[in-house]
Amino acid sequence: MKHVISIGINNVSGLIPLNAAASGAKEFADWATSQGYKTTVFTDEGNIPVSQAAIFATIMNIINDKNCEKLVIFFSGHGILKSPSQEIW
């Protein structure tokens, strides 16, 4: 089974709000579904925060099912390069 986890975050405290990160994540998930992937979408639309714990739990469920041949994690939103070897998204 092929899986996509698509994450889109428009609003991060202290950073300029984005207009299309969440919608881009949903569009990617729609494309992935059309290509035969099972998709899970996390966005902050409606001011609902995205939980890192929820994303990790979804990944662990996929792994524990032991039927995943491919896992793609797509992220749309701000990223920060704190140093040449430390990128945070």
PDB file of N, CA and C in Angstrom:
ATOM      1  N   MET A   1       0.846  -1.174   0.000  1.00  0.00           N
ATOM      2  CA  MET A   1       0.000   0.000   0.000  1.00  0.00           C
ATOM      3  C   MET A   1       0.892   1.238   0.000  1.00  0.00           C
ATOM      4  N   LYS A   2       0.466   2.272  -0.711  1.00  0.00           N
ATOM      5  CA  LYS A   2       1.185   3.541  -0.775  1.00  0.00           C
ATOM      6  C   LYS A   2       0.417   4.587   0.037  1.00  0.00           C
ATOM      7  N   HIS A   3       1.159   5.365   0.827  1.00  0.00           N
ATOM      8  CA  HIS A   3       0.551   6.364   1.698  1.00  0.00           C
ATOM      9  C   HIS A   3       1.160   7.736   1.468  1.00  0.00           C
ATOM     10  N   VAL A   4       0.336   8.763   1.616  1.00  0.00           N
ATOM     11  CA  VAL A   4       0.788  10.157   1.637  1.00  0.00           C
ATOM     12  C   VAL A   4       0.232  10.818   2.884  1.00  0.00           C
ATOM     13  N   ILE A   5       1.111  11.492   3.602  1.00  0.00           N
ATOM     14  CA  ILE A   5       0.700  12.392   4.674  1.00  0.00           C
ATOM     15  C   ILE A   5       1.005  13.787   4.156  1.00  0.00           C
ATOM     16  N   SER A   6      -0.019  14.594   4.003  1.00  0.00           N
ATOM     17  CA  SER A   6       0.118  15.929   3.432  1.00  0.00           C
ATOM     18  C   SER A   6      -0.195  16.962   4.509  1.00  0.00           C
ATOM     19  N   ILE A   7       0.780  17.845   4.773  1.00  0.00           N
ATOM     20  CA  ILE A   7       0.684  18.806   5.869  1.00  0.00           C
ATOM     21  C   ILE A   7       0.751  20.218   5.285  1.00  0.00           C
ATOM     22  N   GLY A   8      -0.192  21.071   5.678  1.00  0.00           N
ATOM     23  CA  GLY A   8      -0.194  22.467   5.224  1.00  0.00           C
ATOM     24  C   GLY A   8      -0.446  23.406   6.388  1.00  0.00           C
ATOM     25  N   ILE A   9       0.514  24.278   6.655  1.00  0.00           N
ATOM     26  CA  ILE A   9       0.424  25.201   7.783  1.00  0.00           C
ATOM     27  C   ILE A   9       0.505  26.634   7.258  1.00  0.00           C
ATOM     28  N   ASN A  10      -0.590  27.372   7.371  1.00  0.00           N
ATOM     29  CA  ASN A  10      -0.618  28.771   6.941  1.00  0.00           C
ATOM     30  C   ASN A  10      -0.114  29.725   8.018  1.00  0.00           C
ATOM     31  N   ASN A  11      -0.376  29.425   9.278  1.00  0.00           N
ATOM     32  CA  ASN A  11      -0.125  30.387  10.357  1.00  0.00           C
ATOM     33  C   ASN A  11       0.847  29.840  11.391  1.00  0.00           C
ATOM     34  N   VAL A  12       1.952  30.579  11.567  1.00  0.00           N
ATOM     35  CA  VAL A  12       2.944  30.253  12.581  1.00  0.00           C
ATOM     36  C   VAL A  12       3.208  31.528  13.367  1.00  0.00           C
ATOM     37  N   SER A  13       3.135  31.434  14.667  1.00  0.00           N
ATOM     38  CA  SER A  13       3.352  32.597  15.519  1.00  0.00           C
ATOM     39  C   SER A  13       4.705  33.249  15.210  1.00  0.00           C
ATOM     40  N   GLY A  14       4.671  34.548  14.990  1.00  0.00           N
ATOM     41  CA  GLY A  14       5.896  35.292  14.730  1.00  0.00           C
ATOM     42  C   GLY A  14       6.312  35.355  13.272  1.00  0.00           C
ATOM     43  N   LEU A  15       5.607  34.650  12.392  1.00  0.00           N
ATOM     44  CA  LEU A  15       5.925  34.664  10.963  1.00  0.00           C
ATOM     45  C   LEU A  15       4.732  35.189  10.177  1.00  0.00           C
ATOM     46  N   ILE A  16       5.010  35.716   9.002  1.00  0.00           N
ATOM     47  CA  ILE A  16       3.952  36.243   8.141  1.00  0.00           C
ATOM     48  C   ILE A  16       3.014  35.099   7.743  1.00  0.00           C
ATOM     49  N   PRO A  17       1.697  35.283   7.901  1.00  0.00           N
ATOM     50  CA  PRO A  17       0.754  34.228   7.493  1.00  0.00           C
ATOM     51  C   PRO A  17       0.868  33.929   5.997  1.00  0.00           C
ATOM     52  N   LEU A  18       0.711  32.688   5.653  1.00  0.00           N
ATOM     53  CA  LEU A  18       0.712  32.269   4.256  1.00  0.00           C
ATOM     54  C   LEU A  18      -0.728  32.116   3.785  1.00  0.00           C
ATOM     55  N   ASN A  19      -0.926  32.234   2.495  1.00  0.00           N
ATOM     56  CA  ASN A  19      -2.280  32.168   1.945  1.00  0.00           C
ATOM     57  C   ASN A  19      -2.645  30.817   1.340  1.00  0.00           C
ATOM     58  N   ALA A  20      -1.658  30.015   0.978  1.00  0.00           N
ATOM     59  CA  ALA A  20      -1.994  28.818   0.205  1.00  0.00           C
ATOM     60  C   ALA A  20      -1.292  27.549   0.660  1.00  0.00           C
ATOM     61  N   ALA A  21      -0.641  27.553   1.818  1.00  0.00           N
ATOM     62  CA  ALA A  21       0.028  26.331   2.273  1.00  0.00           C
ATOM     63  C   ALA A  21      -0.990  25.220   2.525  1.00  0.00           C
ATOM     64  N   ALA A  22      -2.056  25.535   3.228  1.00  0.00           N
ATOM     65  CA  ALA A  22      -3.077  24.526   3.533  1.00  0.00           C
ATOM     66  C   ALA A  22      -3.773  24.041   2.263  1.00  0.00           C
ATOM     67  N   SER A  23      -4.141  24.963   1.399  1.00  0.00           N
ATOM     68  CA  SER A  23      -4.817  24.541   0.162  1.00  0.00           C
ATOM     69  C   SER A  23      -3.861  23.753  -0.738  1.00  0.00           C
ATOM     70  N   GLY A  24      -2.580  24.105  -0.724  1.00  0.00           N
ATOM     71  CA  GLY A  24      -1.593  23.346  -1.498  1.00  0.00           C
ATOM     72  C   GLY A  24      -1.454  21.920  -0.996  1.00  0.00           C
ATOM     73  N   ALA A  25      -1.497  21.757   0.320  1.00  0.00           N
ATOM     74  CA  ALA A  25      -1.424  20.407   0.893  1.00  0.00           C
ATOM     75  C   ALA A  25      -2.647  19.588   0.493  1.00  0.00           C
ATOM     76  N   LYS A  26      -3.814  20.220   0.482  1.00  0.00           N
ATOM     77  CA  LYS A  26      -5.027  19.514   0.068  1.00  0.00           C
ATOM     78  C   LYS A  26      -4.978  19.156  -1.415  1.00  0.00           C
ATOM     79  N   GLU A  27      -4.445  20.054  -2.240  1.00  0.00           N
ATOM     80  CA  GLU A  27      -4.319  19.765  -3.670  1.00  0.00           C
ATOM     81  C   GLU A  27      -3.344  18.609  -3.911  1.00  0.00           C
ATOM     82  N   PHE A  28      -2.243  18.599  -3.163  1.00  0.00           N
ATOM     83  CA  PHE A  28      -1.296  17.490  -3.300  1.00  0.00           C
ATOM     84  C   PHE A  28      -1.958  16.174  -2.906  1.00  0.00           C
ATOM     85  N   ALA A  29      -2.722  16.187  -1.816  1.00  0.00           N
ATOM     86  CA  ALA A  29      -3.418  14.983  -1.379  1.00  0.00           C
ATOM     87  C   ALA A  29      -4.423  14.515  -2.429  1.00  0.00           C
ATOM     88  N   ASP A  30      -5.118  15.452  -3.065  1.00  0.00           N
ATOM     89  CA  ASP A  30      -6.057  15.083  -4.128  1.00  0.00           C
ATOM     90  C   ASP A  30      -5.324  14.397  -5.279  1.00  0.00           C
ATOM     91  N   TRP A  31      -4.168  14.970  -5.655  1.00  0.00           N
ATOM     92  CA  TRP A  31      -3.367  14.357  -6.720  1.00  0.00           C
ATOM     93  C   TRP A  31      -2.924  12.960  -6.306  1.00  0.00           C
ATOM     94  N   ALA A  32      -2.405  12.828  -5.071  1.00  0.00           N
ATOM     95  CA  ALA A  32      -1.908  11.542  -4.592  1.00  0.00           C
ATOM     96  C   ALA A  32      -3.025  10.492  -4.592  1.00  0.00           C
ATOM     97  N   THR A  33      -4.218  10.901  -4.182  1.00  0.00           N
ATOM     98  CA  THR A  33      -5.359   9.988  -4.205  1.00  0.00           C
ATOM     99  C   THR A  33      -5.630   9.512  -5.630  1.00  0.00           C
ATOM    100  N   SER A  34      -5.538  10.421  -6.584  1.00  0.00           N
ATOM    101  CA  SER A  34      -5.771  10.049  -7.982  1.00  0.00           C
ATOM    102  C   SER A  34      -4.700   9.096  -8.514  1.00  0.00           C
ATOM    103  N   GLN A  35      -3.551   9.036  -7.825  1.00  0.00           N
ATOM    104  CA  GLN A  35      -2.464   8.141  -8.226  1.00  0.00           C
ATOM    105  C   GLN A  35      -2.450   6.844  -7.425  1.00  0.00           C
ATOM    106  N   GLY A  36      -3.485   6.627  -6.606  1.00  0.00           N
ATOM    107  CA  GLY A  36      -3.619   5.375  -5.881  1.00  0.00           C
ATOM    108  C   GLY A  36      -3.052   5.374  -4.472  1.00  0.00           C
ATOM    109  N   TYR A  37      -2.698   6.534  -3.950  1.00  0.00           N
ATOM    110  CA  TYR A  37      -2.191   6.623  -2.580  1.00  0.00           C
ATOM    111  C   TYR A  37      -3.350   6.756  -1.593  1.00  0.00           C
ATOM    112  N   LYS A  38      -3.194   6.162  -0.438  1.00  0.00           N
ATOM    113  CA  LYS A  38      -4.086   6.425   0.684  1.00  0.00           C
ATOM    114  C   LYS A  38      -3.553   7.697   1.340  1.00  0.00           C
ATOM    115  N   THR A  39      -4.402   8.701   1.541  1.00  0.00           N
ATOM    116  CA  THR A  39      -3.914  10.000   1.997  1.00  0.00           C
ATOM    117  C   THR A  39      -4.499  10.398   3.344  1.00  0.00           C
ATOM    118  N   THR A  40      -3.673  11.127   4.102  1.00  0.00           N
ATOM    119  CA  THR A  40      -4.098  11.763   5.341  1.00  0.00           C
ATOM    120  C   THR A  40      -3.637  13.212   5.257  1.00  0.00           C
ATOM    121  N   VAL A  41      -4.536  14.144   5.543  1.00  0.00           N
ATOM    122  CA  VAL A  41      -4.241  15.571   5.425  1.00  0.00           C
ATOM    123  C   VAL A  41      -4.313  16.231   6.797  1.00  0.00           C
ATOM    124  N   PHE A  42      -3.306  17.044   7.085  1.00  0.00           N
ATOM    125  CA  PHE A  42      -3.277  17.872   8.280  1.00  0.00           C
ATOM    126  C   PHE A  42      -3.127  19.323   7.838  1.00  0.00           C
ATOM    127  N   THR A  43      -4.100  20.181   8.172  1.00  0.00           N
ATOM    128  CA  THR A  43      -3.976  21.612   7.884  1.00  0.00           C
ATOM    129  C   THR A  43      -4.467  22.407   9.086  1.00  0.00           C
ATOM    130  N   ASP A  44      -4.079  23.671   9.104  1.00  0.00           N
ATOM    131  CA  ASP A  44      -4.528  24.558  10.184  1.00  0.00           C
ATOM    132  C   ASP A  44      -5.684  25.449   9.742  1.00  0.00           C
ATOM    133  N   GLU A  45      -6.406  25.019   8.726  1.00  0.00           N
ATOM    134  CA  GLU A  45      -7.576  25.785   8.297  1.00  0.00           C
ATOM    135  C   GLU A  45      -8.597  25.848   9.422  1.00  0.00           C
ATOM    136  N   GLY A  46      -9.287  26.962   9.526  1.00  0.00           N
ATOM    137  CA  GLY A  46     -10.272  27.141  10.579  1.00  0.00           C
ATOM    138  C   GLY A  46      -9.628  27.344  11.940  1.00  0.00           C
ATOM    139  N   ASN A  47      -8.374  27.775  11.942  1.00  0.00           N
ATOM    140  CA  ASN A  47      -7.617  28.025  13.178  1.00  0.00           C
ATOM    141  C   ASN A  47      -7.524  26.792  14.084  1.00  0.00           C
ATOM    142  N   ILE A  48      -7.544  25.621  13.473  1.00  0.00           N
ATOM    143  CA  ILE A  48      -7.358  24.380  14.226  1.00  0.00           C
ATOM    144  C   ILE A  48      -5.873  24.031  14.145  1.00  0.00           C
ATOM    145  N   PRO A  49      -5.176  24.016  15.285  1.00  0.00           N
ATOM    146  CA  PRO A  49      -3.742  23.732  15.237  1.00  0.00           C
ATOM    147  C   PRO A  49      -3.455  22.294  14.815  1.00  0.00           C
ATOM    148  N   VAL A  50      -2.331  22.134  14.135  1.00  0.00           N
ATOM    149  CA  VAL A  50      -1.869  20.804  13.742  1.00  0.00           C
ATOM    150  C   VAL A  50      -0.941  20.298  14.835  1.00  0.00           C
ATOM    151  N   SER A  51      -1.210  19.113  15.310  1.00  0.00           N
ATOM    152  CA  SER A  51      -0.436  18.526  16.403  1.00  0.00           C
ATOM    153  C   SER A  51       0.668  17.626  15.861  1.00  0.00           C
ATOM    154  N   GLN A  52       1.892  17.872  16.318  1.00  0.00           N
ATOM    155  CA  GLN A  52       3.004  16.998  15.962  1.00  0.00           C
ATOM    156  C   GLN A  52       2.713  15.576  16.439  1.00  0.00           C
ATOM    157  N   ALA A  53       2.117  15.449  17.594  1.00  0.00           N
ATOM    158  CA  ALA A  53       1.779  14.122  18.134  1.00  0.00           C
ATOM    159  C   ALA A  53       0.805  13.385  17.213  1.00  0.00           C
ATOM    160  N   ALA A  54      -0.157  14.097  16.647  1.00  0.00           N
ATOM    161  CA  ALA A  54      -1.123  13.462  15.738  1.00  0.00           C
ATOM    162  C   ALA A  54      -0.439  12.977  14.461  1.00  0.00           C
ATOM    163  N   ILE A  55       0.487  13.773  13.956  1.00  0.00           N
ATOM    164  CA  ILE A  55       1.226  13.367  12.751  1.00  0.00           C
ATOM    165  C   ILE A  55       2.061  12.132  13.055  1.00  0.00           C
ATOM    166  N   PHE A  56       2.799  12.148  14.169  1.00  0.00           N
ATOM    167  CA  PHE A  56       3.620  10.994  14.539  1.00  0.00           C
ATOM    168  C   PHE A  56       2.772   9.749  14.779  1.00  0.00           C
ATOM    169  N   ALA A  57       1.605   9.910  15.391  1.00  0.00           N
ATOM    170  CA  ALA A  57       0.718   8.769  15.625  1.00  0.00           C
ATOM    171  C   ALA A  57       0.249   8.169  14.302  1.00  0.00           C
ATOM    172  N   THR A  58      -0.053   9.027  13.333  1.00  0.00           N
ATOM    173  CA  THR A  58      -0.469   8.540  12.017  1.00  0.00           C
ATOM    174  C   THR A  58       0.656   7.760  11.350  1.00  0.00           C
ATOM    175  N   ILE A  59       1.876   8.281  11.442  1.00  0.00           N
ATOM    176  CA  ILE A  59       3.032   7.579  10.867  1.00  0.00           C
ATOM    177  C   ILE A  59       3.216   6.226  11.547  1.00  0.00           C
ATOM    178  N   MET A  60       3.130   6.197  12.867  1.00  0.00           N
ATOM    179  CA  MET A  60       3.305   4.938  13.599  1.00  0.00           C
ATOM    180  C   MET A  60       2.221   3.926  13.245  1.00  0.00           C
ATOM    181  N   ASN A  61       0.985   4.391  13.055  1.00  0.00           N
ATOM    182  CA  ASN A  61      -0.090   3.475  12.650  1.00  0.00           C
ATOM    183  C   ASN A  61       0.197   2.856  11.296  1.00  0.00           C
ATOM    184  N   ILE A  62       0.702   3.671  10.375  1.00  0.00           N
ATOM    185  CA  ILE A  62       1.047   3.158   9.038  1.00  0.00           C
ATOM    186  C   ILE A  62       2.158   2.117   9.158  1.00  0.00           C
ATOM    187  N   ILE A  63       3.178   2.424   9.928  1.00  0.00           N
ATOM    188  CA  ILE A  63       4.301   1.502  10.102  1.00  0.00           C
ATOM    189  C   ILE A  63       3.844   0.218  10.792  1.00  0.00           C
ATOM    190  N   ASN A  64       3.050   0.358  11.827  1.00  0.00           N
ATOM    191  CA  ASN A  64       2.606  -0.821  12.583  1.00  0.00           C
ATOM    192  C   ASN A  64       1.681  -1.734  11.790  1.00  0.00           C
ATOM    193  N   ASP A  65       0.995  -1.188  10.784  1.00  0.00           N
ATOM    194  CA  ASP A  65       0.150  -2.025   9.931  1.00  0.00           C
ATOM    195  C   ASP A  65       0.977  -2.983   9.072  1.00  0.00           C
ATOM    196  N   LYS A  66       2.241  -2.673   8.870  1.00  0.00           N
ATOM    197  CA  LYS A  66       3.206  -3.518   8.147  1.00  0.00           C
ATOM    198  C   LYS A  66       2.760  -3.868   6.731  1.00  0.00           C
ATOM    199  N   ASN A  67       2.094  -2.922   6.072  1.00  0.00           N
ATOM    200  CA  ASN A  67       1.702  -3.152   4.684  1.00  0.00           C
ATOM    201  C   ASN A  67       2.063  -1.967   3.790  1.00  0.00           C
ATOM    202  N   CYS A  68       2.956  -1.108   4.279  1.00  0.00           N
ATOM    203  CA  CYS A  68       3.317   0.103   3.542  1.00  0.00           C
ATOM    204  C   CYS A  68       4.548  -0.151   2.688  1.00  0.00           C
ATOM    205  N   GLU A  69       4.400   0.026   1.371  1.00  0.00           N
ATOM    206  CA  GLU A  69       5.543  -0.113   0.480  1.00  0.00           C
ATOM    207  C   GLU A  69       6.177   1.240   0.166  1.00  0.00           C
ATOM    208  N   LYS A  70       5.399   2.320   0.345  1.00  0.00           N
ATOM    209  CA  LYS A  70       5.925   3.658   0.084  1.00  0.00           C
ATOM    210  C   LYS A  70       5.173   4.650   0.961  1.00  0.00           C
ATOM    211  N   LEU A  71       5.940   5.545   1.631  1.00  0.00           N
ATOM    212  CA  LEU A  71       5.343   6.597   2.453  1.00  0.00           C
ATOM    213  C   LEU A  71       5.944   7.926   2.024  1.00  0.00           C
ATOM    214  N   VAL A  72       5.088   8.845   1.605  1.00  0.00           N
ATOM    215  CA  VAL A  72       5.508  10.180   1.205  1.00  0.00           C
ATOM    216  C   VAL A  72       4.940  11.169   2.212  1.00  0.00           C
ATOM    217  N   ILE A  73       5.805  12.028   2.746  1.00  0.00           N
ATOM    218  CA  ILE A  73       5.354  13.087   3.640  1.00  0.00           C
ATOM    219  C   ILE A  73       5.601  14.407   2.920  1.00  0.00           C
ATOM    220  N   PHE A  74       4.503  15.120   2.654  1.00  0.00           N
ATOM    221  CA  PHE A  74       4.547  16.390   1.939  1.00  0.00           C
ATOM    222  C   PHE A  74       4.278  17.504   2.938  1.00  0.00           C
ATOM    223  N   PHE A  75       5.108  18.546   2.912  1.00  0.00           N
ATOM    224  CA  PHE A  75       4.914  19.686   3.800  1.00  0.00           C
ATOM    225  C   PHE A  75       4.867  20.965   2.992  1.00  0.00           C
ATOM    226  N   SER A  76       3.866  21.789   3.301  1.00  0.00           N
ATOM    227  CA  SER A  76       3.720  23.101   2.684  1.00  0.00           C
ATOM    228  C   SER A  76       3.586  24.123   3.812  1.00  0.00           C
ATOM    229  N   GLY A  77       4.514  25.071   3.878  1.00  0.00           N
ATOM    230  CA  GLY A  77       4.491  26.082   4.930  1.00  0.00           C
ATOM    231  C   GLY A  77       5.867  26.681   5.113  1.00  0.00           C
ATOM    232  N   HIS A  78       6.036  27.442   6.187  1.00  0.00           N
ATOM    233  CA  HIS A  78       7.323  28.054   6.493  1.00  0.00           C
ATOM    234  C   HIS A  78       8.328  26.990   6.918  1.00  0.00           C
ATOM    235  N   GLY A  79       9.558  27.234   6.608  1.00  0.00           N
ATOM    236  CA  GLY A  79      10.671  26.452   7.115  1.00  0.00           C
ATOM    237  C   GLY A  79      11.729  27.420   7.613  1.00  0.00           C
ATOM    238  N   ILE A  80      12.534  26.983   8.534  1.00  0.00           N
ATOM    239  CA  ILE A  80      13.577  27.840   9.091  1.00  0.00           C
ATOM    240  C   ILE A  80      14.900  27.104   9.001  1.00  0.00           C
ATOM    241  N   LEU A  81      15.910  27.774   8.473  1.00  0.00           N
ATOM    242  CA  LEU A  81      17.251  27.231   8.424  1.00  0.00           C
ATOM    243  C   LEU A  81      18.040  27.898   9.546  1.00  0.00           C
ATOM    244  N   LYS A  82      18.183  27.199  10.682  1.00  0.00           N
ATOM    245  CA  LYS A  82      18.867  27.767  11.845  1.00  0.00           C
ATOM    246  C   LYS A  82      20.376  27.746  11.657  1.00  0.00           C
ATOM    247  N   SER A  83      20.883  26.759  10.936  1.00  0.00           N
ATOM    248  CA  SER A  83      22.300  26.640  10.615  1.00  0.00           C
ATOM    249  C   SER A  83      22.385  25.733   9.387  1.00  0.00           C
ATOM    250  N   PRO A  84      23.565  25.626   8.767  1.00  0.00           N
ATOM    251  CA  PRO A  84      23.655  24.808   7.560  1.00  0.00           C
ATOM    252  C   PRO A  84      23.202  23.356   7.737  1.00  0.00           C
ATOM    253  N   SER A  85      23.222  22.856   8.959  1.00  0.00           N
ATOM    254  CA  SER A  85      22.815  21.463   9.167  1.00  0.00           C
ATOM    255  C   SER A  85      21.558  21.331  10.029  1.00  0.00           C
ATOM    256  N   GLN A  86      20.847  22.430  10.254  1.00  0.00           N
ATOM    257  CA  GLN A  86      19.662  22.360  11.106  1.00  0.00           C
ATOM    258  C   GLN A  86      18.492  23.098  10.450  1.00  0.00           C
ATOM    259  N   GLU A  87      17.688  22.322   9.755  1.00  0.00           N
ATOM    260  CA  GLU A  87      16.507  22.858   9.087  1.00  0.00           C
ATOM    261  C   GLU A  87      15.263  22.416   9.851  1.00  0.00           C
ATOM    262  N   ILE A  88      14.371  23.348  10.130  1.00  0.00           N
ATOM    263  CA  ILE A  88      13.141  23.052  10.875  1.00  0.00           C
ATOM    264  C   ILE A  88      11.945  23.412  10.008  1.00  0.00           C
ATOM    265  N   TRP A  89      10.989  22.481   9.907  1.00  0.00           N
ATOM    266  CA  TRP A  89       9.744  22.769   9.189  1.00  0.00           C
ATOM    267  C   TRP A  89       8.580  22.307   9.997  1.00  0.00           C
TER     268      TRP A  89
END
